[in-house]
Amino acid sequence: MEISFWAKTILIIGVILIIIGLAMLFLPKIPIFRYLGKLPGDIIVKRGNVTFYFPWVTCIIISIILTLIFSLLRR
């Protein structure tokens, strides 16, 4: 019995969500990952009851790391 395209897609998305959930559970316990999102250059604006947070430098670092990983895997 062949699994249809949409069934495979939903299965893959589910596995990815499980991996992300496990990463969110266990990565904060590793010291180097505690600093992600709290780096100098990340934007935090607090006004009254509203807090705006944009991890600018963290996004750039993650982007560079993913670019390097995918460029190495493509070779």
PDB file of N, CA and C in Angstrom:
ATOM      1  N   MET A   1       0.840  -1.175   0.000  1.00  0.00           N
ATOM      2  CA  MET A   1       0.000   0.000   0.000  1.00  0.00           C
ATOM      3  C   MET A   1       0.886   1.240   0.000  1.00  0.00           C
ATOM      4  N   GLU A   2       0.654   2.121  -0.941  1.00  0.00           N
ATOM      5  CA  GLU A   2       1.486   3.310  -1.087  1.00  0.00           C
ATOM      6  C   GLU A   2       0.882   4.471  -0.299  1.00  0.00           C
ATOM      7  N   ILE A   3       1.753   5.166   0.420  1.00  0.00           N
ATOM      8  CA  ILE A   3       1.314   6.336   1.173  1.00  0.00           C
ATOM      9  C   ILE A   3       1.268   7.530   0.226  1.00  0.00           C
ATOM     10  N   SER A   4       0.195   8.287   0.283  1.00  0.00           N
ATOM     11  CA  SER A   4       0.043   9.425  -0.620  1.00  0.00           C
ATOM     12  C   SER A   4       0.993  10.559  -0.241  1.00  0.00           C
ATOM     13  N   PHE A   5       1.107  11.521  -1.133  1.00  0.00           N
ATOM     14  CA  PHE A   5       1.991  12.669  -0.937  1.00  0.00           C
ATOM     15  C   PHE A   5       1.633  13.428   0.334  1.00  0.00           C
ATOM     16  N   TRP A   6       0.344  13.698   0.548  1.00  0.00           N
ATOM     17  CA  TRP A   6      -0.067  14.487   1.707  1.00  0.00           C
ATOM     18  C   TRP A   6       0.174  13.737   3.012  1.00  0.00           C
ATOM     19  N   ALA A   7       0.004  12.436   3.000  1.00  0.00           N
ATOM     20  CA  ALA A   7       0.268  11.650   4.203  1.00  0.00           C
ATOM     21  C   ALA A   7       1.746  11.706   4.566  1.00  0.00           C
ATOM     22  N   LYS A   8       2.618  11.604   3.563  1.00  0.00           N
ATOM     23  CA  LYS A   8       4.057  11.711   3.815  1.00  0.00           C
ATOM     24  C   LYS A   8       4.414  13.094   4.338  1.00  0.00           C
ATOM     25  N   THR A   9       3.801  14.118   3.748  1.00  0.00           N
ATOM     26  CA  THR A   9       4.082  15.488   4.164  1.00  0.00           C
ATOM     27  C   THR A   9       3.673  15.717   5.614  1.00  0.00           C
ATOM     28  N   ILE A  10       2.487  15.262   5.989  1.00  0.00           N
ATOM     29  CA  ILE A  10       2.019  15.427   7.364  1.00  0.00           C
ATOM     30  C   ILE A  10       2.895  14.636   8.327  1.00  0.00           C
ATOM     31  N   LEU A  11       3.328  13.461   7.939  1.00  0.00           N
ATOM     32  CA  LEU A  11       4.209  12.652   8.773  1.00  0.00           C
ATOM     33  C   LEU A  11       5.548  13.347   8.988  1.00  0.00           C
ATOM     34  N   ILE A  12       6.116  13.902   7.939  1.00  0.00           N
ATOM     35  CA  ILE A  12       7.399  14.606   8.042  1.00  0.00           C
ATOM     36  C   ILE A  12       7.260  15.839   8.927  1.00  0.00           C
ATOM     37  N   ILE A  13       6.178  16.599   8.753  1.00  0.00           N
ATOM     38  CA  ILE A  13       5.955  17.780   9.593  1.00  0.00           C
ATOM     39  C   ILE A  13       5.823  17.372  11.059  1.00  0.00           C
ATOM     40  N   GLY A  14       5.146  16.275  11.336  1.00  0.00           N
ATOM     41  CA  GLY A  14       5.010  15.783  12.702  1.00  0.00           C
ATOM     42  C   GLY A  14       6.347  15.408  13.316  1.00  0.00           C
ATOM     43  N   VAL A  15       7.189  14.727  12.553  1.00  0.00           N
ATOM     44  CA  VAL A  15       8.516  14.349  13.051  1.00  0.00           C
ATOM     45  C   VAL A  15       9.351  15.593  13.321  1.00  0.00           C
ATOM     46  N   ILE A  16       9.278  16.574  12.422  1.00  0.00           N
ATOM     47  CA  ILE A  16      10.026  17.819  12.618  1.00  0.00           C
ATOM     48  C   ILE A  16       9.550  18.535  13.883  1.00  0.00           C
ATOM     49  N   LEU A  17       8.245  18.575  14.120  1.00  0.00           N
ATOM     50  CA  LEU A  17       7.723  19.214  15.326  1.00  0.00           C
ATOM     51  C   LEU A  17       8.160  18.483  16.594  1.00  0.00           C
ATOM     52  N   ILE A  18       8.227  17.166  16.543  1.00  0.00           N
ATOM     53  CA  ILE A  18       8.713  16.401  17.696  1.00  0.00           C
ATOM     54  C   ILE A  18      10.172  16.726  17.970  1.00  0.00           C
ATOM     55  N   ILE A  19      10.984  16.803  16.920  1.00  0.00           N
ATOM     56  CA  ILE A  19      12.404  17.133  17.084  1.00  0.00           C
ATOM     57  C   ILE A  19      12.566  18.537  17.662  1.00  0.00           C
ATOM     58  N   ILE A  20      11.781  19.493  17.162  1.00  0.00           N
ATOM     59  CA  ILE A  20      11.849  20.861  17.683  1.00  0.00           C
ATOM     60  C   ILE A  20      11.426  20.894  19.154  1.00  0.00           C
ATOM     61  N   GLY A  21      10.386  20.156  19.508  1.00  0.00           N
ATOM     62  CA  GLY A  21       9.936  20.101  20.892  1.00  0.00           C
ATOM     63  C   GLY A  21      10.986  19.514  21.818  1.00  0.00           C
ATOM     64  N   LEU A  22      11.630  18.442  21.392  1.00  0.00           N
ATOM     65  CA  LEU A  22      12.697  17.847  22.206  1.00  0.00           C
ATOM     66  C   LEU A  22      13.884  18.792  22.332  1.00  0.00           C
ATOM     67  N   ALA A  23      14.205  19.493  21.248  1.00  0.00           N
ATOM     68  CA  ALA A  23      15.303  20.460  21.298  1.00  0.00           C
ATOM     69  C   ALA A  23      14.982  21.584  22.281  1.00  0.00           C
ATOM     70  N   MET A  24      13.731  22.060  22.265  1.00  0.00           N
ATOM     71  CA  MET A  24      13.343  23.122  23.194  1.00  0.00           C
ATOM     72  C   MET A  24      13.369  22.633  24.639  1.00  0.00           C
ATOM     73  N   LEU A  25      13.172  21.357  24.837  1.00  0.00           N
ATOM     74  CA  LEU A  25      13.174  20.792  26.177  1.00  0.00           C
ATOM     75  C   LEU A  25      14.593  20.615  26.718  1.00  0.00           C
ATOM     76  N   PHE A  26      15.512  20.125  25.867  1.00  0.00           N
ATOM     77  CA  PHE A  26      16.834  19.749  26.349  1.00  0.00           C
ATOM     78  C   PHE A  26      17.942  20.766  26.078  1.00  0.00           C
ATOM     79  N   LEU A  27      17.829  21.590  25.052  1.00  0.00           N
ATOM     80  CA  LEU A  27      18.912  22.517  24.727  1.00  0.00           C
ATOM     81  C   LEU A  27      19.170  23.583  25.789  1.00  0.00           C
ATOM     82  N   PRO A  28      18.171  24.101  26.500  1.00  0.00           N
ATOM     83  CA  PRO A  28      18.485  25.097  27.534  1.00  0.00           C
ATOM     84  C   PRO A  28      19.369  24.559  28.654  1.00  0.00           C
ATOM     85  N   LYS A  29      19.464  23.259  28.794  1.00  0.00           N
ATOM     86  CA  LYS A  29      20.309  22.678  29.833  1.00  0.00           C
ATOM     87  C   LYS A  29      21.779  22.662  29.436  1.00  0.00           C
ATOM     88  N   ILE A  30      22.069  22.882  28.148  1.00  0.00           N
ATOM     89  CA  ILE A  30      23.446  22.938  27.663  1.00  0.00           C
ATOM     90  C   ILE A  30      23.898  24.392  27.756  1.00  0.00           C
ATOM     91  N   PRO A  31      25.021  24.670  28.443  1.00  0.00           N
ATOM     92  CA  PRO A  31      25.407  26.059  28.735  1.00  0.00           C
ATOM     93  C   PRO A  31      25.515  26.982  27.518  1.00  0.00           C
ATOM     94  N   ILE A  32      26.026  26.515  26.396  1.00  0.00           N
ATOM     95  CA  ILE A  32      26.220  27.410  25.256  1.00  0.00           C
ATOM     96  C   ILE A  32      24.892  27.890  24.677  1.00  0.00           C
ATOM     97  N   PHE A  33      23.831  27.106  24.802  1.00  0.00           N
ATOM     98  CA  PHE A  33      22.537  27.476  24.239  1.00  0.00           C
ATOM     99  C   PHE A  33      21.748  28.418  25.146  1.00  0.00           C
ATOM    100  N   ARG A  34      22.212  28.625  26.379  1.00  0.00           N
ATOM    101  CA  ARG A  34      21.531  29.565  27.272  1.00  0.00           C
ATOM    102  C   ARG A  34      21.696  31.005  26.799  1.00  0.00           C
ATOM    103  N   TYR A  35      22.767  31.280  26.056  1.00  0.00           N
ATOM    104  CA  TYR A  35      23.045  32.648  25.628  1.00  0.00           C
ATOM    105  C   TYR A  35      22.311  33.027  24.351  1.00  0.00           C
ATOM    106  N   LEU A  36      21.804  32.045  23.595  1.00  0.00           N
ATOM    107  CA  LEU A  36      21.070  32.379  22.379  1.00  0.00           C
ATOM    108  C   LEU A  36      19.811  33.149  22.747  1.00  0.00           C
ATOM    109  N   GLY A  37      19.611  34.265  22.097  1.00  0.00           N
ATOM    110  CA  GLY A  37      18.484  35.124  22.409  1.00  0.00           C
ATOM    111  C   GLY A  37      18.800  36.188  23.434  1.00  0.00           C
ATOM    112  N   LYS A  38      19.992  36.125  24.022  1.00  0.00           N
ATOM    113  CA  LYS A  38      20.401  37.112  25.024  1.00  0.00           C
ATOM    114  C   LYS A  38      21.743  37.735  24.645  1.00  0.00           C
ATOM    115  N   LEU A  39      22.058  37.746  23.366  1.00  0.00           N
ATOM    116  CA  LEU A  39      23.340  38.259  22.905  1.00  0.00           C
ATOM    117  C   LEU A  39      23.303  39.780  22.792  1.00  0.00           C
ATOM    118  N   PRO A  40      24.477  40.432  22.899  1.00  0.00           N
ATOM    119  CA  PRO A  40      24.513  41.876  22.657  1.00  0.00           C
ATOM    120  C   PRO A  40      24.073  42.159  21.225  1.00  0.00           C
ATOM    121  N   GLY A  41      23.191  43.105  21.048  1.00  0.00           N
ATOM    122  CA  GLY A  41      22.672  43.414  19.726  1.00  0.00           C
ATOM    123  C   GLY A  41      21.246  42.938  19.533  1.00  0.00           C
ATOM    124  N   ASP A  42      20.774  42.042  20.391  1.00  0.00           N
ATOM    125  CA  ASP A  42      19.369  41.643  20.353  1.00  0.00           C
ATOM    126  C   ASP A  42      18.535  42.806  20.894  1.00  0.00           C
ATOM    127  N   ILE A  43      17.427  43.086  20.250  1.00  0.00           N
ATOM    128  CA  ILE A  43      16.629  44.273  20.563  1.00  0.00           C
ATOM    129  C   ILE A  43      15.528  43.912  21.555  1.00  0.00           C
ATOM    130  N   ILE A  44      15.501  44.633  22.681  1.00  0.00           N
ATOM    131  CA  ILE A  44      14.451  44.472  23.682  1.00  0.00           C
ATOM    132  C   ILE A  44      13.932  45.865  24.036  1.00  0.00           C
ATOM    133  N   VAL A  45      12.637  46.093  23.827  1.00  0.00           N
ATOM    134  CA  VAL A  45      12.011  47.371  24.164  1.00  0.00           C
ATOM    135  C   VAL A  45      10.884  47.091  25.149  1.00  0.00           C
ATOM    136  N   LYS A  46      10.962  47.705  26.335  1.00  0.00           N
ATOM    137  CA  LYS A  46       9.931  47.517  27.362  1.00  0.00           C
ATOM    138  C   LYS A  46       9.238  48.852  27.597  1.00  0.00           C
ATOM    139  N   ARG A  47       7.926  48.867  27.415  1.00  0.00           N
ATOM    140  CA  ARG A  47       7.117  50.066  27.661  1.00  0.00           C
ATOM    141  C   ARG A  47       5.856  49.641  28.406  1.00  0.00           C
ATOM    142  N   GLY A  48       5.781  49.956  29.647  1.00  0.00           N
ATOM    143  CA  GLY A  48       4.596  49.597  30.430  1.00  0.00           C
ATOM    144  C   GLY A  48       4.412  48.092  30.505  1.00  0.00           C
ATOM    145  N   ASN A  49       3.256  47.628  30.047  1.00  0.00           N
ATOM    146  CA  ASN A  49       2.952  46.197  30.075  1.00  0.00           C
ATOM    147  C   ASN A  49       3.367  45.477  28.804  1.00  0.00           C
ATOM    148  N   VAL A  50       3.970  46.189  27.854  1.00  0.00           N
ATOM    149  CA  VAL A  50       4.308  45.612  26.555  1.00  0.00           C
ATOM    150  C   VAL A  50       5.821  45.448  26.448  1.00  0.00           C
ATOM    151  N   THR A  51       6.241  44.284  26.005  1.00  0.00           N
ATOM    152  CA  THR A  51       7.656  44.025  25.749  1.00  0.00           C
ATOM    153  C   THR A  51       7.805  43.546  24.316  1.00  0.00           C
ATOM    154  N   PHE A  52       8.646  44.262  23.556  1.00  0.00           N
ATOM    155  CA  PHE A  52       8.953  43.861  22.180  1.00  0.00           C
ATOM    156  C   PHE A  52      10.359  43.296  22.179  1.00  0.00           C
ATOM    157  N   TYR A  53      10.507  42.111  21.638  1.00  0.00           N
ATOM    158  CA  TYR A  53      11.793  41.419  21.650  1.00  0.00           C
ATOM    159  C   TYR A  53      12.094  40.916  20.257  1.00  0.00           C
ATOM    160  N   PHE A  54      13.254  41.297  19.725  1.00  0.00           N
ATOM    161  CA  PHE A  54      13.684  40.785  18.427  1.00  0.00           C
ATOM    162  C   PHE A  54      15.144  40.361  18.527  1.00  0.00           C
ATOM    163  N   PRO A  55      15.422  39.056  18.439  1.00  0.00           N
ATOM    164  CA  PRO A  55      16.794  38.551  18.580  1.00  0.00           C
ATOM    165  C   PRO A  55      17.599  38.726  17.292  1.00  0.00           C
ATOM    166  N   TRP A  56      17.962  39.952  16.951  1.00  0.00           N
ATOM    167  CA  TRP A  56      18.627  40.301  15.698  1.00  0.00           C
ATOM    168  C   TRP A  56      19.948  39.548  15.519  1.00  0.00           C
ATOM    169  N   VAL A  57      20.852  39.655  16.473  1.00  0.00           N
ATOM    170  CA  VAL A  57      22.174  39.023  16.361  1.00  0.00           C
ATOM    171  C   VAL A  57      22.051  37.504  16.407  1.00  0.00           C
ATOM    172  N   THR A  58      21.157  36.992  17.228  1.00  0.00           N
ATOM    173  CA  THR A  58      20.937  35.549  17.290  1.00  0.00           C
ATOM    174  C   THR A  58      20.473  35.016  15.939  1.00  0.00           C
ATOM    175  N   CYS A  59      19.575  35.740  15.268  1.00  0.00           N
ATOM    176  CA  CYS A  59      19.100  35.325  13.938  1.00  0.00           C
ATOM    177  C   CYS A  59      20.240  35.300  12.929  1.00  0.00           C
ATOM    178  N   ILE A  60      21.115  36.296  12.982  1.00  0.00           N
ATOM    179  CA  ILE A  60      22.249  36.346  12.053  1.00  0.00           C
ATOM    180  C   ILE A  60      23.192  35.175  12.290  1.00  0.00           C
ATOM    181  N   ILE A  61      23.489  34.879  13.552  1.00  0.00           N
ATOM    182  CA  ILE A  61      24.401  33.772  13.869  1.00  0.00           C
ATOM    183  C   ILE A  61      23.804  32.435  13.434  1.00  0.00           C
ATOM    184  N   ILE A  62      22.530  32.215  13.709  1.00  0.00           N
ATOM    185  CA  ILE A  62      21.882  30.966  13.293  1.00  0.00           C
ATOM    186  C   ILE A  62      21.863  30.859  11.774  1.00  0.00           C
ATOM    187  N   SER A  63      21.625  31.973  11.089  1.00  0.00           N
ATOM    188  CA  SER A  63      21.619  31.975   9.627  1.00  0.00           C
ATOM    189  C   SER A  63      22.986  31.604   9.065  1.00  0.00           C
ATOM    190  N   ILE A  64      24.042  32.149   9.636  1.00  0.00           N
ATOM    191  CA  ILE A  64      25.405  31.831   9.178  1.00  0.00           C
ATOM    192  C   ILE A  64      25.711  30.353   9.404  1.00  0.00           C
ATOM    193  N   ILE A  65      25.355  29.838  10.581  1.00  0.00           N
ATOM    194  CA  ILE A  65      25.622  28.428  10.888  1.00  0.00           C
ATOM    195  C   ILE A  65      24.860  27.509   9.937  1.00  0.00           C
ATOM    196  N   LEU A  66      23.573  27.798   9.704  1.00  0.00           N
ATOM    197  CA  LEU A  66      22.788  26.963   8.790  1.00  0.00           C
ATOM    198  C   LEU A  66      23.298  27.056   7.357  1.00  0.00           C
ATOM    199  N   THR A  67      23.737  28.239   6.933  1.00  0.00           N
ATOM    200  CA  THR A  67      24.306  28.390   5.593  1.00  0.00           C
ATOM    201  C   THR A  67      25.555  27.539   5.436  1.00  0.00           C
ATOM    202  N   LEU A  68      26.419  27.547   6.435  1.00  0.00           N
ATOM    203  CA  LEU A  68      27.632  26.725   6.377  1.00  0.00           C
ATOM    204  C   LEU A  68      27.297  25.233   6.354  1.00  0.00           C
ATOM    205  N   ILE A  69      26.361  24.815   7.183  1.00  0.00           N
ATOM    206  CA  ILE A  69      25.987  23.396   7.225  1.00  0.00           C
ATOM    207  C   ILE A  69      25.415  22.942   5.891  1.00  0.00           C
ATOM    208  N   PHE A  70      24.479  23.719   5.328  1.00  0.00           N
ATOM    209  CA  PHE A  70      23.852  23.317   4.064  1.00  0.00           C
ATOM    210  C   PHE A  70      24.819  23.387   2.890  1.00  0.00           C
ATOM    211  N   SER A  71      25.769  24.333   2.928  1.00  0.00           N
ATOM    212  CA  SER A  71      26.744  24.385   1.838  1.00  0.00           C
ATOM    213  C   SER A  71      27.695  23.192   1.908  1.00  0.00           C
ATOM    214  N   LEU A  72      28.011  22.732   3.121  1.00  0.00           N
ATOM    215  CA  LEU A  72      28.857  21.542   3.252  1.00  0.00           C
ATOM    216  C   LEU A  72      28.102  20.276   2.847  1.00  0.00           C
ATOM    217  N   LEU A  73      26.811  20.206   3.155  1.00  0.00           N
ATOM    218  CA  LEU A  73      26.024  19.031   2.787  1.00  0.00           C
ATOM    219  C   LEU A  73      25.763  18.956   1.287  1.00  0.00           C
ATOM    220  N   ARG A  74      25.744  20.101   0.632  1.00  0.00           N
ATOM    221  CA  ARG A  74      25.464  20.126  -0.804  1.00  0.00           C
ATOM    222  C   ARG A  74      26.639  19.587  -1.614  1.00  0.00           C
ATOM    223  N   ARG A  75      27.829  19.651  -1.068  1.00  0.00           N
ATOM    224  CA  ARG A  75      29.019  19.190  -1.799  1.00  0.00           C
ATOM    225  C   ARG A  75      29.103  17.705  -1.856  1.00  0.00           C
TER     226      ARG A  75
END
